[in-house]
Amino acid sequence: MPQRIPAKVRDRRPCVETFAADMRLHLHRGRRFDLTVTDVDLVERTVDGIEAVTTSKVGLPLTDEQAQALGLAEDGYSIEGLVYDADHQLVKLPATLAYTGLPIRWLDPLGTPTVLGDDSAAYYRWRVREDATGLELSLIAHEARAVLEKQREVAARALDDYDAEAHLRILEVQLSEWQRVELVMRVSAADGYRPEDDPEVSEAELHDPFRQRD
């Protein structure tokens, strides 16, 4: 999903059945989630679908007898609340959310890998160089090892977690840049890292790639 939801989707008035899904849509901005497509509108270029989620909230309809016992004159009442186990921990129950009218262009086939954009990759490389500025070789090598360990930990979760997969793409870029800076320091034997002295860094790469556009 994009960070900015189109006005046609963002400003529509939700009905009772789709209210929860429309609210959750805002939480998905800039993220990926699994959607099972249930209907396609080729004219409007939209799809309907469901997302598998979990919830601890339940609603129990009251029978006529239960309503009368509570002093309620009419039927149609229900009790809503949360489900706890014997240890007073919330119980996660399977549920689904139904989405309607989502743009087809948002869809990717299941299993499509997360890709870090060129501008974002340039930013994270710049960020590493900023963090490395002034550090001696031993500290830079320490940072490279720390990012490598973090990459290994996140890689295990990235197999079934889109957020972890996106984080992994960032860590891959950061690790590569820390290792490159470490190699530059070993070759140069400098006392501390200076991006302006890095032979592989251009003048344009010395600045935040996003701020340059402001």
N, C-alpha and C. Protein backbone atom coordinates (compact mmCIF):
# COMPACT_ATOMS: atom_id res chain seq x y z
N MET A 1 0.83 -1.19 0.00
CA MET A 1 0.00 0.00 0.00
C MET A 1 0.87 1.24 0.00
N PRO A 2 0.41 2.30 -0.67
CA PRO A 2 1.16 3.57 -0.63
C PRO A 2 0.95 4.26 0.72
N GLN A 3 1.82 5.23 1.00
CA GLN A 3 1.65 6.02 2.22
C GLN A 3 0.41 6.90 2.15
N ARG A 4 0.11 7.37 0.95
CA ARG A 4 -1.04 8.27 0.77
C ARG A 4 -2.19 7.50 0.12
N ILE A 5 -3.28 7.35 0.85
CA ILE A 5 -4.44 6.63 0.33
C ILE A 5 -5.23 7.56 -0.60
N PRO A 6 -5.59 7.11 -1.79
CA PRO A 6 -6.35 7.95 -2.72
C PRO A 6 -7.64 8.46 -2.09
N ALA A 7 -8.01 9.69 -2.43
CA ALA A 7 -9.20 10.31 -1.84
C ALA A 7 -10.46 9.47 -2.06
N LYS A 8 -10.53 8.79 -3.20
CA LYS A 8 -11.71 7.97 -3.49
C LYS A 8 -11.89 6.87 -2.46
N VAL A 9 -10.79 6.36 -1.93
CA VAL A 9 -10.84 5.33 -0.90
C VAL A 9 -10.85 5.96 0.49
N ARG A 10 -10.03 6.97 0.68
CA ARG A 10 -9.86 7.59 2.01
C ARG A 10 -11.13 8.28 2.50
N ASP A 11 -11.84 8.94 1.60
CA ASP A 11 -12.96 9.81 2.02
C ASP A 11 -14.33 9.15 1.92
N ARG A 12 -14.39 7.91 1.51
CA ARG A 12 -15.70 7.28 1.40
C ARG A 12 -16.29 7.02 2.80
N ARG A 13 -17.59 7.00 2.88
CA ARG A 13 -18.26 6.78 4.15
C ARG A 13 -18.42 5.28 4.38
N PRO A 14 -17.76 4.74 5.42
CA PRO A 14 -17.84 3.28 5.63
C PRO A 14 -19.19 2.87 6.20
N CYS A 15 -19.61 1.68 5.83
CA CYS A 15 -20.81 1.11 6.42
C CYS A 15 -20.40 0.29 7.63
N VAL A 16 -21.36 -0.23 8.35
CA VAL A 16 -21.07 -0.98 9.57
C VAL A 16 -20.19 -2.18 9.26
N GLU A 17 -20.46 -2.86 8.14
CA GLU A 17 -19.74 -4.08 7.82
C GLU A 17 -18.27 -3.83 7.46
N THR A 18 -17.95 -2.66 6.90
CA THR A 18 -16.59 -2.40 6.44
C THR A 18 -15.85 -1.37 7.30
N PHE A 19 -16.47 -0.91 8.38
CA PHE A 19 -15.85 0.14 9.19
C PHE A 19 -14.48 -0.29 9.72
N ALA A 20 -14.40 -1.50 10.32
CA ALA A 20 -13.15 -1.98 10.91
C ALA A 20 -12.07 -2.12 9.84
N ALA A 21 -12.45 -2.62 8.65
CA ALA A 21 -11.47 -2.78 7.57
C ALA A 21 -10.96 -1.42 7.10
N ASP A 22 -11.85 -0.44 6.96
CA ASP A 22 -11.43 0.89 6.51
C ASP A 22 -10.49 1.54 7.53
N MET A 23 -10.74 1.31 8.82
CA MET A 23 -9.85 1.85 9.84
C MET A 23 -8.49 1.16 9.79
N ARG A 24 -8.50 -0.15 9.59
CA ARG A 24 -7.25 -0.90 9.54
C ARG A 24 -6.45 -0.52 8.30
N LEU A 25 -7.12 -0.12 7.24
CA LEU A 25 -6.44 0.27 6.01
C LEU A 25 -5.44 1.40 6.28
N HIS A 26 -5.79 2.30 7.18
CA HIS A 26 -4.89 3.40 7.50
C HIS A 26 -3.64 2.89 8.22
N LEU A 27 -3.77 1.82 8.99
CA LEU A 27 -2.61 1.24 9.68
C LEU A 27 -1.68 0.53 8.70
N HIS A 28 -2.21 0.15 7.55
CA HIS A 28 -1.41 -0.56 6.55
C HIS A 28 -0.65 0.37 5.61
N ARG A 29 -0.78 1.68 5.77
CA ARG A 29 -0.13 2.61 4.85
C ARG A 29 1.38 2.40 4.84
N GLY A 30 1.93 2.27 3.64
CA GLY A 30 3.36 2.06 3.49
C GLY A 30 3.80 0.65 3.81
N ARG A 31 2.85 -0.28 3.99
CA ARG A 31 3.19 -1.65 4.37
C ARG A 31 2.53 -2.63 3.40
N ARG A 32 2.90 -3.89 3.54
CA ARG A 32 2.28 -4.94 2.75
C ARG A 32 1.47 -5.84 3.67
N PHE A 33 0.41 -6.42 3.13
CA PHE A 33 -0.36 -7.40 3.88
C PHE A 33 -0.99 -8.37 2.90
N ASP A 34 -1.34 -9.56 3.39
CA ASP A 34 -1.93 -10.60 2.54
C ASP A 34 -3.42 -10.34 2.37
N LEU A 35 -3.87 -10.37 1.13
CA LEU A 35 -5.27 -10.17 0.80
C LEU A 35 -5.74 -11.30 -0.10
N THR A 36 -6.82 -11.95 0.28
CA THR A 36 -7.44 -12.96 -0.57
C THR A 36 -8.53 -12.29 -1.39
N VAL A 37 -8.33 -12.20 -2.69
CA VAL A 37 -9.26 -11.49 -3.57
C VAL A 37 -10.54 -12.32 -3.74
N THR A 38 -11.66 -11.66 -3.53
CA THR A 38 -12.94 -12.33 -3.66
C THR A 38 -13.76 -11.84 -4.85
N ASP A 39 -13.43 -10.67 -5.36
CA ASP A 39 -14.17 -10.13 -6.51
C ASP A 39 -13.31 -9.09 -7.21
N VAL A 40 -13.48 -9.00 -8.52
CA VAL A 40 -12.72 -8.05 -9.34
C VAL A 40 -13.68 -7.24 -10.19
N ASP A 41 -13.49 -5.91 -10.17
CA ASP A 41 -14.28 -5.01 -11.01
C ASP A 41 -13.33 -4.45 -12.07
N LEU A 42 -13.40 -5.02 -13.30
CA LEU A 42 -12.48 -4.62 -14.35
C LEU A 42 -12.80 -3.23 -14.90
N VAL A 43 -14.02 -2.78 -14.71
CA VAL A 43 -14.40 -1.43 -15.17
C VAL A 43 -13.79 -0.38 -14.26
N GLU A 44 -13.98 -0.54 -12.95
CA GLU A 44 -13.44 0.41 -11.98
C GLU A 44 -11.98 0.12 -11.64
N ARG A 45 -11.47 -1.03 -12.08
CA ARG A 45 -10.10 -1.45 -11.79
C ARG A 45 -9.88 -1.56 -10.28
N THR A 46 -10.82 -2.21 -9.60
CA THR A 46 -10.74 -2.41 -8.16
C THR A 46 -11.00 -3.87 -7.82
N VAL A 47 -10.67 -4.23 -6.58
CA VAL A 47 -10.93 -5.58 -6.11
C VAL A 47 -11.55 -5.52 -4.72
N ASP A 48 -12.28 -6.55 -4.38
CA ASP A 48 -12.73 -6.79 -3.01
C ASP A 48 -11.94 -7.98 -2.49
N GLY A 49 -11.76 -8.04 -1.18
CA GLY A 49 -11.01 -9.16 -0.64
C GLY A 49 -11.10 -9.23 0.87
N ILE A 50 -10.52 -10.28 1.43
CA ILE A 50 -10.55 -10.46 2.88
C ILE A 50 -9.12 -10.64 3.39
N GLU A 51 -8.89 -10.19 4.61
CA GLU A 51 -7.62 -10.35 5.29
C GLU A 51 -7.83 -11.20 6.54
N ALA A 52 -7.01 -12.20 6.72
CA ALA A 52 -7.08 -13.02 7.92
C ALA A 52 -6.42 -12.28 9.08
N VAL A 53 -7.14 -12.12 10.18
CA VAL A 53 -6.63 -11.42 11.35
C VAL A 53 -6.98 -12.23 12.61
N THR A 54 -6.58 -11.72 13.75
CA THR A 54 -6.99 -12.32 15.02
C THR A 54 -7.65 -11.24 15.87
N THR A 55 -8.52 -11.66 16.75
CA THR A 55 -9.20 -10.73 17.64
C THR A 55 -9.48 -11.40 18.97
N SER A 56 -9.61 -10.60 20.00
CA SER A 56 -10.01 -11.10 21.32
C SER A 56 -11.43 -10.65 21.65
N LYS A 57 -12.02 -9.90 20.73
CA LYS A 57 -13.35 -9.36 20.96
C LYS A 57 -14.41 -10.31 20.43
N VAL A 58 -15.46 -10.52 21.21
CA VAL A 58 -16.56 -11.38 20.79
C VAL A 58 -17.89 -10.69 21.11
N GLY A 59 -18.90 -11.13 20.41
CA GLY A 59 -20.25 -10.64 20.68
C GLY A 59 -21.20 -11.82 20.80
N LEU A 60 -21.97 -11.88 21.86
CA LEU A 60 -22.90 -12.97 22.09
C LEU A 60 -24.33 -12.43 22.09
N PRO A 61 -25.16 -12.88 21.15
CA PRO A 61 -26.56 -12.42 21.14
C PRO A 61 -27.33 -13.03 22.32
N LEU A 62 -28.21 -12.25 22.88
CA LEU A 62 -29.04 -12.73 24.00
C LEU A 62 -30.32 -13.37 23.45
N THR A 63 -30.69 -14.47 24.05
CA THR A 63 -31.98 -15.06 23.71
C THR A 63 -33.09 -14.20 24.30
N ASP A 64 -34.33 -14.43 23.86
CA ASP A 64 -35.46 -13.67 24.41
C ASP A 64 -35.55 -13.86 25.92
N GLU A 65 -35.31 -15.10 26.37
CA GLU A 65 -35.38 -15.38 27.81
C GLU A 65 -34.31 -14.62 28.57
N GLN A 66 -33.09 -14.57 28.04
CA GLN A 66 -32.01 -13.86 28.71
C GLN A 66 -32.28 -12.36 28.76
N ALA A 67 -32.81 -11.83 27.67
CA ALA A 67 -33.13 -10.40 27.63
C ALA A 67 -34.20 -10.06 28.66
N GLN A 68 -35.23 -10.92 28.75
CA GLN A 68 -36.29 -10.67 29.72
C GLN A 68 -35.77 -10.79 31.14
N ALA A 69 -34.83 -11.74 31.38
CA ALA A 69 -34.28 -11.90 32.72
C ALA A 69 -33.48 -10.67 33.15
N LEU A 70 -32.98 -9.96 32.21
CA LEU A 70 -32.23 -8.74 32.51
C LEU A 70 -33.11 -7.50 32.52
N GLY A 71 -34.41 -7.73 32.32
CA GLY A 71 -35.34 -6.61 32.35
C GLY A 71 -35.41 -5.83 31.07
N LEU A 72 -34.99 -6.46 29.97
CA LEU A 72 -35.02 -5.80 28.66
C LEU A 72 -36.31 -6.20 27.96
N ALA A 73 -37.07 -5.23 27.57
CA ALA A 73 -38.41 -5.52 27.03
C ALA A 73 -38.38 -6.04 25.61
N GLU A 74 -37.34 -5.69 24.82
CA GLU A 74 -37.32 -6.08 23.42
C GLU A 74 -36.18 -7.03 23.14
N ASP A 75 -36.29 -7.77 22.03
CA ASP A 75 -35.20 -8.67 21.66
C ASP A 75 -34.16 -7.94 20.81
N GLY A 76 -33.16 -8.67 20.35
CA GLY A 76 -32.13 -8.06 19.51
C GLY A 76 -30.93 -7.55 20.29
N TYR A 77 -30.83 -7.89 21.57
CA TYR A 77 -29.69 -7.43 22.36
C TYR A 77 -28.52 -8.42 22.25
N SER A 78 -27.32 -7.90 22.50
CA SER A 78 -26.13 -8.74 22.52
C SER A 78 -25.15 -8.19 23.55
N ILE A 79 -24.26 -9.05 23.98
CA ILE A 79 -23.21 -8.66 24.91
C ILE A 79 -21.88 -8.74 24.18
N GLU A 80 -21.08 -7.67 24.27
CA GLU A 80 -19.78 -7.65 23.63
C GLU A 80 -18.69 -7.51 24.69
N GLY A 81 -17.59 -8.17 24.46
CA GLY A 81 -16.49 -8.10 25.42
C GLY A 81 -15.26 -8.81 24.92
N LEU A 82 -14.29 -9.04 25.81
CA LEU A 82 -13.03 -9.67 25.49
C LEU A 82 -12.96 -11.06 26.11
N VAL A 83 -12.26 -11.99 25.45
CA VAL A 83 -12.13 -13.36 25.94
C VAL A 83 -10.76 -13.52 26.60
N TYR A 84 -10.78 -14.01 27.84
CA TYR A 84 -9.55 -14.27 28.59
C TYR A 84 -9.47 -15.75 28.93
N ASP A 85 -8.23 -16.26 29.06
CA ASP A 85 -8.07 -17.65 29.47
C ASP A 85 -7.98 -17.73 31.00
N ALA A 86 -7.66 -18.93 31.51
CA ALA A 86 -7.62 -19.14 32.96
C ALA A 86 -6.55 -18.30 33.64
N ASP A 87 -5.51 -17.90 32.88
CA ASP A 87 -4.43 -17.07 33.43
C ASP A 87 -4.68 -15.59 33.19
N HIS A 88 -5.90 -15.28 32.78
CA HIS A 88 -6.32 -13.90 32.49
C HIS A 88 -5.49 -13.27 31.36
N GLN A 89 -5.10 -14.10 30.40
CA GLN A 89 -4.44 -13.63 29.19
C GLN A 89 -5.45 -13.58 28.06
N LEU A 90 -5.35 -12.56 27.23
CA LEU A 90 -6.28 -12.43 26.12
C LEU A 90 -6.13 -13.61 25.15
N VAL A 91 -7.25 -14.16 24.73
CA VAL A 91 -7.27 -15.27 23.78
C VAL A 91 -7.39 -14.70 22.37
N LYS A 92 -6.51 -15.14 21.46
CA LYS A 92 -6.55 -14.69 20.08
C LYS A 92 -7.42 -15.63 19.25
N LEU A 93 -8.49 -15.11 18.70
CA LEU A 93 -9.41 -15.90 17.90
C LEU A 93 -9.28 -15.52 16.42
N PRO A 94 -9.39 -16.49 15.51
CA PRO A 94 -9.30 -16.16 14.08
C PRO A 94 -10.52 -15.36 13.63
N ALA A 95 -10.26 -14.41 12.73
CA ALA A 95 -11.34 -13.58 12.19
C ALA A 95 -10.90 -13.09 10.81
N THR A 96 -11.78 -12.43 10.11
CA THR A 96 -11.46 -11.85 8.81
C THR A 96 -12.00 -10.43 8.73
N LEU A 97 -11.34 -9.62 7.92
CA LEU A 97 -11.80 -8.27 7.61
C LEU A 97 -12.08 -8.21 6.11
N ALA A 98 -13.21 -7.63 5.75
CA ALA A 98 -13.59 -7.55 4.35
C ALA A 98 -13.31 -6.15 3.80
N TYR A 99 -12.50 -6.09 2.74
CA TYR A 99 -12.18 -4.83 2.08
C TYR A 99 -12.94 -4.73 0.76
N THR A 100 -13.33 -3.52 0.41
CA THR A 100 -14.01 -3.30 -0.86
C THR A 100 -13.36 -2.13 -1.60
N GLY A 101 -13.38 -2.23 -2.93
CA GLY A 101 -12.94 -1.12 -3.76
C GLY A 101 -11.48 -0.75 -3.65
N LEU A 102 -10.60 -1.72 -3.47
CA LEU A 102 -9.16 -1.42 -3.42
C LEU A 102 -8.59 -1.41 -4.84
N PRO A 103 -7.74 -0.44 -5.17
CA PRO A 103 -7.18 -0.38 -6.52
C PRO A 103 -6.40 -1.64 -6.89
N ILE A 104 -6.61 -2.14 -8.09
CA ILE A 104 -5.90 -3.33 -8.55
C ILE A 104 -4.39 -3.10 -8.57
N ARG A 105 -3.97 -1.86 -8.84
CA ARG A 105 -2.52 -1.58 -8.94
C ARG A 105 -1.79 -1.80 -7.62
N TRP A 106 -2.52 -1.92 -6.52
CA TRP A 106 -1.86 -2.19 -5.24
C TRP A 106 -1.43 -3.65 -5.11
N LEU A 107 -1.98 -4.52 -5.95
CA LEU A 107 -1.76 -5.95 -5.76
C LEU A 107 -0.42 -6.41 -6.34
N ASP A 108 0.24 -7.29 -5.60
CA ASP A 108 1.41 -8.02 -6.08
C ASP A 108 1.13 -9.50 -5.88
N PRO A 109 1.62 -10.35 -6.77
CA PRO A 109 1.44 -11.80 -6.55
C PRO A 109 2.05 -12.22 -5.22
N LEU A 110 1.43 -13.18 -4.56
CA LEU A 110 1.95 -13.69 -3.30
C LEU A 110 3.37 -14.19 -3.50
N GLY A 111 4.26 -13.79 -2.61
CA GLY A 111 5.65 -14.20 -2.71
C GLY A 111 6.54 -13.18 -3.40
N THR A 112 5.96 -12.09 -3.91
CA THR A 112 6.78 -11.04 -4.53
C THR A 112 7.72 -10.45 -3.48
N PRO A 113 9.03 -10.44 -3.73
CA PRO A 113 9.96 -9.94 -2.70
C PRO A 113 9.85 -8.44 -2.50
N THR A 114 10.13 -8.01 -1.28
CA THR A 114 10.19 -6.58 -0.98
C THR A 114 11.46 -5.99 -1.58
N VAL A 115 11.33 -4.85 -2.23
CA VAL A 115 12.48 -4.20 -2.87
C VAL A 115 12.66 -2.81 -2.27
N LEU A 116 13.88 -2.48 -1.90
CA LEU A 116 14.20 -1.15 -1.39
C LEU A 116 14.50 -0.24 -2.56
N GLY A 117 13.82 0.90 -2.63
CA GLY A 117 14.02 1.82 -3.74
C GLY A 117 15.44 2.39 -3.77
N ASP A 118 15.86 2.85 -4.95
CA ASP A 118 17.21 3.39 -5.11
C ASP A 118 17.46 4.58 -4.20
N ASP A 119 16.47 5.47 -4.08
CA ASP A 119 16.64 6.65 -3.24
C ASP A 119 16.78 6.26 -1.77
N SER A 120 15.97 5.29 -1.34
CA SER A 120 16.05 4.84 0.05
C SER A 120 17.39 4.16 0.32
N ALA A 121 17.86 3.35 -0.61
CA ALA A 121 19.15 2.70 -0.46
C ALA A 121 20.27 3.73 -0.34
N ALA A 122 20.19 4.78 -1.17
CA ALA A 122 21.20 5.85 -1.12
C ALA A 122 21.17 6.55 0.24
N TYR A 123 19.95 6.72 0.77
CA TYR A 123 19.84 7.38 2.08
C TYR A 123 20.48 6.54 3.18
N TYR A 124 20.21 5.25 3.20
CA TYR A 124 20.76 4.41 4.27
C TYR A 124 22.28 4.26 4.15
N ARG A 125 22.81 4.30 2.93
CA ARG A 125 24.27 4.31 2.78
C ARG A 125 24.85 5.61 3.31
N TRP A 126 24.17 6.72 2.99
CA TRP A 126 24.62 8.03 3.51
C TRP A 126 24.55 8.05 5.02
N ARG A 127 23.49 7.46 5.60
CA ARG A 127 23.33 7.44 7.05
C ARG A 127 24.47 6.66 7.71
N VAL A 128 24.89 5.56 7.11
CA VAL A 128 26.01 4.78 7.64
C VAL A 128 27.28 5.62 7.63
N ARG A 129 27.53 6.32 6.53
CA ARG A 129 28.74 7.14 6.45
C ARG A 129 28.72 8.26 7.49
N GLU A 130 27.53 8.81 7.73
CA GLU A 130 27.41 9.84 8.76
C GLU A 130 27.74 9.25 10.14
N ASP A 131 27.21 8.09 10.43
CA ASP A 131 27.46 7.44 11.72
C ASP A 131 28.91 7.02 11.87
N ALA A 132 29.56 6.72 10.74
CA ALA A 132 30.95 6.26 10.79
C ALA A 132 31.94 7.41 10.88
N THR A 133 31.49 8.63 10.59
CA THR A 133 32.40 9.77 10.58
C THR A 133 33.12 9.94 11.92
N GLY A 134 34.44 9.98 11.84
CA GLY A 134 35.25 10.17 13.04
C GLY A 134 35.62 8.90 13.77
N LEU A 135 35.02 7.77 13.40
CA LEU A 135 35.31 6.51 14.08
C LEU A 135 36.59 5.89 13.56
N GLU A 136 37.33 5.25 14.46
CA GLU A 136 38.52 4.52 14.06
C GLU A 136 38.13 3.14 13.57
N LEU A 137 39.11 2.44 13.00
CA LEU A 137 38.85 1.16 12.35
C LEU A 137 38.18 0.15 13.28
N SER A 138 38.66 0.03 14.52
CA SER A 138 38.11 -0.98 15.43
C SER A 138 36.63 -0.77 15.70
N LEU A 139 36.20 0.49 15.84
CA LEU A 139 34.79 0.77 16.08
C LEU A 139 33.95 0.52 14.84
N ILE A 140 34.50 0.83 13.69
CA ILE A 140 33.77 0.57 12.44
C ILE A 140 33.60 -0.93 12.24
N ALA A 141 34.65 -1.70 12.52
CA ALA A 141 34.55 -3.15 12.42
C ALA A 141 33.53 -3.69 13.41
N HIS A 142 33.46 -3.10 14.61
CA HIS A 142 32.48 -3.51 15.61
C HIS A 142 31.06 -3.25 15.10
N GLU A 143 30.83 -2.09 14.50
CA GLU A 143 29.50 -1.76 13.98
C GLU A 143 29.12 -2.72 12.85
N ALA A 144 30.07 -3.06 12.00
CA ALA A 144 29.79 -3.99 10.91
C ALA A 144 29.38 -5.35 11.45
N ARG A 145 30.05 -5.82 12.49
CA ARG A 145 29.69 -7.11 13.09
C ARG A 145 28.32 -7.05 13.75
N ALA A 146 28.01 -5.92 14.39
CA ALA A 146 26.72 -5.77 15.05
C ALA A 146 25.57 -5.80 14.05
N VAL A 147 25.75 -5.14 12.91
CA VAL A 147 24.71 -5.14 11.88
C VAL A 147 24.58 -6.52 11.27
N LEU A 148 25.69 -7.24 11.13
CA LEU A 148 25.64 -8.61 10.60
C LEU A 148 24.82 -9.50 11.52
N GLU A 149 25.01 -9.39 12.83
CA GLU A 149 24.24 -10.19 13.78
C GLU A 149 22.76 -9.83 13.72
N LYS A 150 22.47 -8.54 13.61
CA LYS A 150 21.08 -8.11 13.52
C LYS A 150 20.44 -8.61 12.24
N GLN A 151 21.20 -8.60 11.14
CA GLN A 151 20.69 -9.11 9.88
C GLN A 151 20.30 -10.58 9.99
N ARG A 152 21.14 -11.37 10.63
CA ARG A 152 20.86 -12.79 10.78
C ARG A 152 19.59 -13.01 11.62
N GLU A 153 19.42 -12.20 12.66
CA GLU A 153 18.25 -12.35 13.52
C GLU A 153 16.97 -11.98 12.78
N VAL A 154 17.02 -10.88 12.02
CA VAL A 154 15.84 -10.42 11.30
C VAL A 154 15.51 -11.36 10.14
N ALA A 155 16.53 -11.95 9.51
CA ALA A 155 16.31 -12.86 8.38
C ALA A 155 15.43 -14.03 8.77
N ALA A 156 15.55 -14.49 10.00
CA ALA A 156 14.73 -15.62 10.45
C ALA A 156 13.26 -15.24 10.52
N ARG A 157 12.96 -13.98 10.86
CA ARG A 157 11.57 -13.53 10.96
C ARG A 157 11.02 -13.07 9.62
N ALA A 158 11.92 -12.73 8.70
CA ALA A 158 11.49 -12.17 7.42
C ALA A 158 10.80 -13.19 6.52
N LEU A 159 10.89 -14.47 6.87
CA LEU A 159 10.28 -15.50 6.05
C LEU A 159 8.76 -15.40 6.03
N ASP A 160 8.16 -14.90 7.12
CA ASP A 160 6.70 -14.80 7.18
C ASP A 160 6.23 -13.51 7.82
N ASP A 161 7.05 -12.47 7.72
CA ASP A 161 6.69 -11.17 8.30
C ASP A 161 7.13 -10.08 7.33
N TYR A 162 6.16 -9.36 6.75
CA TYR A 162 6.49 -8.35 5.75
C TYR A 162 7.29 -7.20 6.34
N ASP A 163 6.98 -6.80 7.59
CA ASP A 163 7.74 -5.72 8.22
C ASP A 163 9.19 -6.14 8.41
N ALA A 164 9.40 -7.38 8.85
CA ALA A 164 10.77 -7.87 9.03
C ALA A 164 11.49 -7.96 7.69
N GLU A 165 10.76 -8.34 6.64
CA GLU A 165 11.37 -8.42 5.31
C GLU A 165 11.84 -7.05 4.84
N ALA A 166 11.01 -6.03 5.07
CA ALA A 166 11.38 -4.66 4.70
C ALA A 166 12.60 -4.20 5.51
N HIS A 167 12.61 -4.55 6.80
CA HIS A 167 13.74 -4.19 7.65
C HIS A 167 15.00 -4.90 7.18
N LEU A 168 14.86 -6.13 6.73
CA LEU A 168 16.01 -6.89 6.25
C LEU A 168 16.64 -6.23 5.04
N ARG A 169 15.82 -5.69 4.13
CA ARG A 169 16.38 -5.01 2.96
C ARG A 169 17.23 -3.81 3.39
N ILE A 170 16.79 -3.10 4.43
CA ILE A 170 17.56 -1.96 4.94
C ILE A 170 18.87 -2.43 5.55
N LEU A 171 18.80 -3.49 6.35
CA LEU A 171 20.00 -4.01 7.00
C LEU A 171 21.02 -4.50 5.98
N GLU A 172 20.55 -5.08 4.88
CA GLU A 172 21.46 -5.54 3.83
C GLU A 172 22.27 -4.38 3.25
N VAL A 173 21.59 -3.26 3.03
CA VAL A 173 22.27 -2.08 2.51
C VAL A 173 23.25 -1.53 3.55
N GLN A 174 22.79 -1.46 4.80
CA GLN A 174 23.65 -0.93 5.85
C GLN A 174 24.89 -1.80 6.07
N LEU A 175 24.69 -3.12 6.07
CA LEU A 175 25.82 -4.02 6.26
C LEU A 175 26.85 -3.87 5.15
N SER A 176 26.36 -3.81 3.93
CA SER A 176 27.27 -3.67 2.79
C SER A 176 28.09 -2.39 2.89
N GLU A 177 27.45 -1.31 3.34
CA GLU A 177 28.17 -0.03 3.44
C GLU A 177 29.15 -0.02 4.61
N TRP A 178 28.76 -0.59 5.75
CA TRP A 178 29.70 -0.68 6.87
C TRP A 178 30.92 -1.51 6.48
N GLN A 179 30.71 -2.61 5.79
CA GLN A 179 31.83 -3.45 5.37
C GLN A 179 32.71 -2.74 4.35
N ARG A 180 32.08 -1.95 3.46
CA ARG A 180 32.87 -1.19 2.48
C ARG A 180 33.72 -0.14 3.18
N VAL A 181 33.11 0.58 4.13
CA VAL A 181 33.84 1.61 4.88
C VAL A 181 34.98 0.97 5.68
N GLU A 182 34.72 -0.20 6.26
CA GLU A 182 35.77 -0.91 6.99
C GLU A 182 36.95 -1.22 6.07
N LEU A 183 36.66 -1.67 4.85
CA LEU A 183 37.73 -1.98 3.90
C LEU A 183 38.50 -0.72 3.52
N VAL A 184 37.79 0.38 3.30
CA VAL A 184 38.45 1.65 2.98
C VAL A 184 39.41 2.05 4.10
N MET A 185 38.98 1.88 5.35
CA MET A 185 39.83 2.23 6.48
C MET A 185 41.06 1.32 6.57
N ARG A 186 40.88 0.06 6.27
CA ARG A 186 42.03 -0.87 6.33
C ARG A 186 43.06 -0.51 5.26
N VAL A 187 42.59 -0.12 4.09
CA VAL A 187 43.50 0.21 3.00
C VAL A 187 44.19 1.55 3.25
N SER A 188 43.41 2.54 3.75
CA SER A 188 43.96 3.88 3.93
C SER A 188 44.79 4.03 5.20
N ALA A 189 44.49 3.19 6.21
CA ALA A 189 45.18 3.28 7.51
C ALA A 189 44.98 4.65 8.16
N ALA A 190 43.84 5.28 7.90
CA ALA A 190 43.54 6.59 8.48
C ALA A 190 43.17 6.44 9.95
N ASP A 191 43.34 7.53 10.72
CA ASP A 191 43.01 7.51 12.14
C ASP A 191 41.51 7.48 12.38
N GLY A 192 40.76 8.11 11.50
CA GLY A 192 39.31 8.15 11.62
C GLY A 192 38.67 8.30 10.26
N TYR A 193 37.45 7.84 10.13
CA TYR A 193 36.79 7.87 8.82
C TYR A 193 36.27 9.27 8.51
N ARG A 194 36.50 9.70 7.29
CA ARG A 194 35.98 10.98 6.79
C ARG A 194 35.35 10.72 5.41
N PRO A 195 34.03 10.88 5.28
CA PRO A 195 33.38 10.62 3.99
C PRO A 195 34.01 11.40 2.84
N GLU A 196 34.46 12.64 3.11
CA GLU A 196 35.04 13.45 2.04
C GLU A 196 36.37 12.90 1.55
N ASP A 197 37.01 12.03 2.34
CA ASP A 197 38.26 11.40 1.92
C ASP A 197 38.04 10.01 1.33
N ASP A 198 36.80 9.56 1.31
CA ASP A 198 36.47 8.23 0.80
C ASP A 198 36.56 8.25 -0.73
N PRO A 199 37.46 7.49 -1.32
CA PRO A 199 37.65 7.54 -2.78
C PRO A 199 36.45 7.03 -3.58
N GLU A 200 35.54 6.32 -2.93
CA GLU A 200 34.38 5.77 -3.65
C GLU A 200 33.12 6.60 -3.46
N VAL A 201 33.23 7.74 -2.77
CA VAL A 201 32.07 8.59 -2.51
C VAL A 201 32.17 9.86 -3.34
N SER A 202 31.14 10.12 -4.13
CA SER A 202 31.14 11.32 -4.96
C SER A 202 30.72 12.54 -4.15
N GLU A 203 30.87 13.71 -4.73
CA GLU A 203 30.48 14.94 -4.05
C GLU A 203 29.00 14.94 -3.72
N ALA A 204 28.18 14.47 -4.64
CA ALA A 204 26.73 14.44 -4.41
C ALA A 204 26.36 13.49 -3.28
N GLU A 205 27.13 12.42 -3.10
CA GLU A 205 26.81 11.42 -2.09
C GLU A 205 27.20 11.86 -0.68
N LEU A 206 27.81 13.03 -0.55
CA LEU A 206 28.17 13.54 0.77
C LEU A 206 26.98 14.15 1.48
N HIS A 207 25.88 14.30 0.78
CA HIS A 207 24.71 14.98 1.35
C HIS A 207 23.51 14.04 1.38
N ASP A 208 22.59 14.32 2.30
CA ASP A 208 21.34 13.56 2.43
C ASP A 208 20.62 13.58 1.08
N PRO A 209 20.41 12.45 0.44
CA PRO A 209 19.79 12.45 -0.91
C PRO A 209 18.36 12.98 -0.90
N PHE A 210 17.66 12.88 0.21
CA PHE A 210 16.29 13.39 0.27
C PHE A 210 16.27 14.89 0.53
N ARG A 211 17.17 15.39 1.35
CA ARG A 211 17.18 16.81 1.66
C ARG A 211 17.57 17.64 0.46
N GLN A 212 18.36 17.07 -0.44
CA GLN A 212 18.78 17.80 -1.63
C GLN A 212 17.59 18.22 -2.47
N ARG A 213 16.47 17.53 -2.33
CA ARG A 213 15.31 17.83 -3.17
C ARG A 213 14.41 18.89 -2.57
N ASP A 214 14.64 19.26 -1.30
CA ASP A 214 13.79 20.26 -0.65
C ASP A 214 14.03 21.63 -1.26
